[in-house]
Amino acid sequence: MQVETIINTIRHAKTLYNLEHRYAGSTDVPLSEQGIQDTREIAVRLSGRSFDKVITSTLRRSIETANILISDNGHFEKNDLCDERNFGLLEGLTLNEVHELDPPILFVEIGSDQHSVNPAGCEAFEDVWMRANIFQNYLFSNCKGSNILIVSHSIFLQLFHGMLRGMNCIESLAKSYPSTLDLTSFYFRGKDLVNEEVMTFEQIAEKSF
């Protein structure tokens, strides 16, 4: 079965916000020292792979991850369609601080996770979903037949992955978002998904390429 297009995604490496369990969203935080070290380890093990096109979000943590992974000094496309969800009022807060807000933030349970739905200034999931849809159409219109690497963020990739699998927005949110530096590869013939592979950070660390 001939594969025409491969869409690979990686979630950016860790930041201090990840370690402190803070909402980052559109806040432009850099990678932590541990994140840089982890990405260098992944870069060595993925050095035998090549990509026709590399796309990152416009946020620093995503760009820094891509720079280390492909050693291309930023010569790749930056696209705000794959930026992380803007969490509005929650940006920079820990979960404990969020639970102390008055009036309280509404959370709904979808799958095994809880998602905030009403913080002031927060981007609606439907809007992130629409960005993912526009981005998907862009890829199939402009990158057909290519092996593409996308470096992005947890919530965006959670919705984008679901869209690539043919799910709706709620079904996508019910699936776990990718862990840090997980590599997920979607294989398409035309616009039909024919195979999917996931390589976790632990698997990459254990395997010699």
Protein backbone atom coordinates (compact mmCIF):
# COMPACT_ATOMS: atom_id res chain seq x y z
CA MET A 1 0.00 0.00 0.00
CA GLN A 2 1.67 3.19 -1.17
CA VAL A 3 2.04 5.98 1.38
CA GLU A 4 2.07 9.50 -0.06
CA THR A 5 2.32 11.83 2.94
CA ILE A 6 3.78 11.35 6.41
CA ILE A 7 2.83 13.78 9.17
CA ASN A 8 5.14 13.47 12.19
CA THR A 9 4.50 15.43 15.38
CA ILE A 10 6.60 16.01 18.47
CA ARG A 11 5.51 17.83 21.60
CA HIS A 12 8.13 20.34 22.75
CA ALA A 13 10.56 19.47 25.57
CA LYS A 14 10.09 20.48 29.20
CA THR A 15 10.05 24.03 30.52
CA LEU A 16 10.14 25.32 34.09
CA TYR A 17 6.38 25.79 33.78
CA ASN A 18 6.04 22.05 33.15
CA LEU A 19 8.11 21.28 36.24
CA GLU A 20 6.08 23.72 38.35
CA HIS A 21 2.78 22.48 36.86
CA ARG A 22 1.85 25.94 35.58
CA TYR A 23 -0.38 26.78 32.64
CA ALA A 24 1.86 28.02 29.83
CA GLY A 25 -0.47 28.31 26.85
CA SER A 26 0.52 31.40 24.88
CA THR A 27 3.11 32.48 27.48
CA ASP A 28 6.48 32.38 25.70
CA VAL A 29 8.60 30.39 28.16
CA PRO A 30 11.96 28.82 27.13
CA LEU A 31 13.06 25.23 27.60
CA SER A 32 14.50 24.25 30.96
CA GLU A 33 18.02 22.83 31.24
CA GLN A 34 16.46 19.38 31.59
CA GLY A 35 14.38 20.01 28.49
CA ILE A 36 17.47 20.98 26.51
CA GLN A 37 19.32 17.88 27.71
CA ASP A 38 16.39 15.59 26.86
CA THR A 39 16.07 17.09 23.38
CA ARG A 40 19.78 16.64 22.69
CA GLU A 41 19.42 12.97 23.61
CA ILE A 42 16.49 12.56 21.24
CA ALA A 43 18.34 14.42 18.48
CA VAL A 44 21.21 11.91 18.60
CA ARG A 45 18.85 8.97 18.37
CA LEU A 46 16.82 10.49 15.54
CA SER A 47 19.83 11.70 13.57
CA GLY A 48 19.24 9.09 10.85
CA ARG A 49 15.82 10.52 10.01
CA SER A 50 15.28 13.28 7.47
CA PHE A 51 12.26 15.48 6.85
CA ASP A 52 11.20 17.38 3.75
CA LYS A 53 9.64 20.16 5.79
CA VAL A 54 9.74 21.23 9.45
CA ILE A 55 6.98 23.38 10.96
CA THR A 56 6.90 24.75 14.50
CA SER A 57 4.56 26.95 16.46
CA THR A 58 5.67 30.55 16.96
CA LEU A 59 6.45 29.93 20.64
CA ARG A 60 10.01 29.77 21.91
CA ARG A 61 9.81 26.32 23.55
CA SER A 62 8.70 24.77 20.28
CA ILE A 63 11.29 26.62 18.19
CA GLU A 64 14.12 25.72 20.60
CA THR A 65 13.11 22.05 20.53
CA ALA A 66 13.13 22.04 16.72
CA ASN A 67 16.50 23.82 16.56
CA ILE A 68 18.11 21.15 18.75
CA LEU A 69 16.37 18.26 16.98
CA ILE A 70 17.32 19.21 13.44
CA SER A 71 20.32 21.55 13.94
CA ASP A 72 19.03 23.83 11.18
CA ASN A 73 19.43 27.18 12.94
CA GLY A 74 15.79 28.07 12.61
CA HIS A 75 15.51 27.55 8.86
CA PHE A 76 12.03 26.13 9.07
CA GLU A 77 8.47 27.40 8.92
CA LYS A 78 6.88 28.99 11.99
CA ASN A 79 3.08 28.81 11.88
CA ASP A 80 0.80 30.29 14.51
CA LEU A 81 -1.96 27.86 13.55
CA CYS A 82 -0.19 25.24 15.69
CA ASP A 83 0.39 27.51 18.72
CA GLU A 84 -0.85 26.22 22.07
CA ARG A 85 -4.30 27.08 23.40
CA ASN A 86 -4.42 30.52 25.05
CA PHE A 87 -5.53 29.86 28.64
CA GLY A 88 -6.39 33.49 29.36
CA LEU A 89 -6.74 34.11 33.10
CA LEU A 90 -5.04 30.80 33.88
CA GLU A 91 -1.74 31.66 32.17
CA GLY A 92 1.16 31.29 34.60
CA LEU A 93 -0.95 29.83 37.42
CA THR A 94 -0.54 26.46 39.09
CA LEU A 95 -3.53 24.14 39.36
CA ASN A 96 -3.77 24.89 43.10
CA GLU A 97 -3.87 28.62 42.36
CA VAL A 98 -6.57 28.03 39.75
CA HIS A 99 -8.73 26.18 42.27
CA GLU A 100 -8.51 29.19 44.61
CA LEU A 101 -9.94 31.63 42.04
CA ASP A 102 -13.24 33.32 42.81
CA PRO A 103 -15.55 32.96 40.98
CA PRO A 104 -14.44 29.36 40.48
CA ILE A 105 -13.35 28.02 37.11
CA LEU A 106 -15.65 25.45 35.55
CA PHE A 107 -13.99 22.16 34.60
CA VAL A 108 -15.61 19.34 32.64
CA GLU A 109 -14.37 15.75 32.67
CA ILE A 110 -13.72 14.35 29.21
CA GLY A 111 -12.08 10.94 29.05
CA SER A 112 -9.54 10.72 31.86
CA ASP A 113 -8.83 14.46 32.00
CA GLN A 114 -10.51 17.65 33.14
CA HIS A 115 -10.67 20.67 30.86
CA SER A 116 -11.32 24.31 31.77
CA VAL A 117 -14.18 25.89 29.83
CA ASN A 118 -14.83 29.42 31.15
CA PRO A 119 -11.65 31.31 32.20
CA ALA A 120 -11.70 34.97 31.18
CA GLY A 121 -9.80 35.47 27.94
CA CYS A 122 -9.39 31.73 27.36
CA GLU A 123 -9.49 30.36 23.81
CA ALA A 124 -12.45 28.05 23.28
CA PHE A 125 -11.70 24.47 22.31
CA GLU A 126 -13.83 24.98 19.21
CA ASP A 127 -11.47 27.77 18.12
CA VAL A 128 -8.39 25.57 18.64
CA TRP A 129 -10.21 22.85 16.68
CA MET A 130 -10.83 25.28 13.84
CA ARG A 131 -7.13 26.21 13.79
CA ALA A 132 -6.27 22.50 13.62
CA ASN A 133 -8.68 22.09 10.70
CA ILE A 134 -7.18 25.02 8.79
CA PHE A 135 -3.69 23.66 9.50
CA GLN A 136 -4.63 20.19 8.27
CA ASN A 137 -6.03 21.64 5.04
CA TYR A 138 -2.85 23.69 4.62
CA LEU A 139 -0.69 20.56 4.94
CA PHE A 140 -2.67 18.55 2.40
CA SER A 141 -2.75 21.48 -0.01
CA ASN A 142 0.90 22.50 0.25
CA CYS A 143 2.85 19.48 1.55
CA LYS A 144 1.24 16.51 -0.18
CA GLY A 145 3.76 13.73 -0.79
CA SER A 146 6.16 15.08 1.84
CA ASN A 147 7.59 13.75 5.08
CA ILE A 148 6.71 16.55 7.50
CA LEU A 149 7.80 17.20 11.09
CA ILE A 150 5.62 19.42 13.29
CA VAL A 151 6.84 20.61 16.71
CA SER A 152 3.94 21.88 18.78
CA HIS A 153 2.07 21.64 22.10
CA SER A 154 -0.10 19.31 24.15
CA ILE A 155 -3.65 20.61 23.67
CA PHE A 156 -3.16 21.59 20.04
CA LEU A 157 -1.66 18.19 19.21
CA GLN A 158 -4.39 16.40 21.15
CA LEU A 159 -7.01 18.01 18.91
CA PHE A 160 -4.91 17.81 15.75
CA HIS A 161 -4.23 14.09 16.27
CA GLY A 162 -7.93 13.44 16.76
CA MET A 163 -8.72 15.32 13.57
CA LEU A 164 -6.18 13.27 11.62
CA ARG A 165 -7.85 10.12 12.99
CA GLY A 166 -11.28 11.27 11.83
CA MET A 167 -12.61 12.12 15.31
CA ASN A 168 -14.67 15.11 16.36
CA CYS A 169 -13.57 17.71 18.91
CA ILE A 170 -14.98 15.98 22.01
CA GLU A 171 -13.70 12.56 20.94
CA SER A 172 -10.25 14.09 20.46
CA LEU A 173 -10.26 15.64 23.94
CA ALA A 174 -11.14 12.24 25.40
CA LYS A 175 -7.81 10.87 24.14
CA SER A 176 -4.62 11.55 26.09
CA TYR A 177 -2.42 14.32 24.74
CA PRO A 178 1.12 13.33 23.75
CA SER A 179 3.80 13.32 26.42
CA THR A 180 6.93 15.45 26.18
CA LEU A 181 9.05 14.57 23.12
CA ASP A 182 6.75 11.76 21.99
CA LEU A 183 7.03 11.22 18.23
CA THR A 184 3.74 10.34 16.55
CA SER A 185 3.75 9.47 12.83
CA PHE A 186 0.61 9.43 10.66
CA TYR A 187 0.85 7.77 7.23
CA PHE A 188 -1.60 8.88 4.53
CA ARG A 189 -2.55 7.73 1.06
CA GLY A 190 -4.27 10.77 -0.33
CA LYS A 191 -6.25 11.98 2.69
CA ASP A 192 -6.88 8.47 4.01
CA LEU A 193 -5.00 7.51 7.17
CA VAL A 194 -3.48 4.07 6.58
CA ASN A 195 -1.13 3.69 9.55
CA GLU A 196 -0.05 5.36 12.79
CA GLU A 197 3.06 4.85 14.91
CA VAL A 198 3.94 6.28 18.31
CA MET A 199 7.44 6.35 19.73
CA THR A 200 7.55 7.50 23.35
CA PHE A 201 10.48 9.22 24.97
CA GLU A 202 11.23 6.06 26.97
CA GLN A 203 11.21 3.88 23.85
CA ILE A 204 13.47 6.31 22.03
CA ALA A 205 15.86 6.42 24.97
CA GLU A 206 16.11 2.63 25.05
CA LYS A 207 16.45 2.03 21.32
CA SER A 208 19.68 2.47 19.38
CA PHE A 209 19.25 3.93 15.90
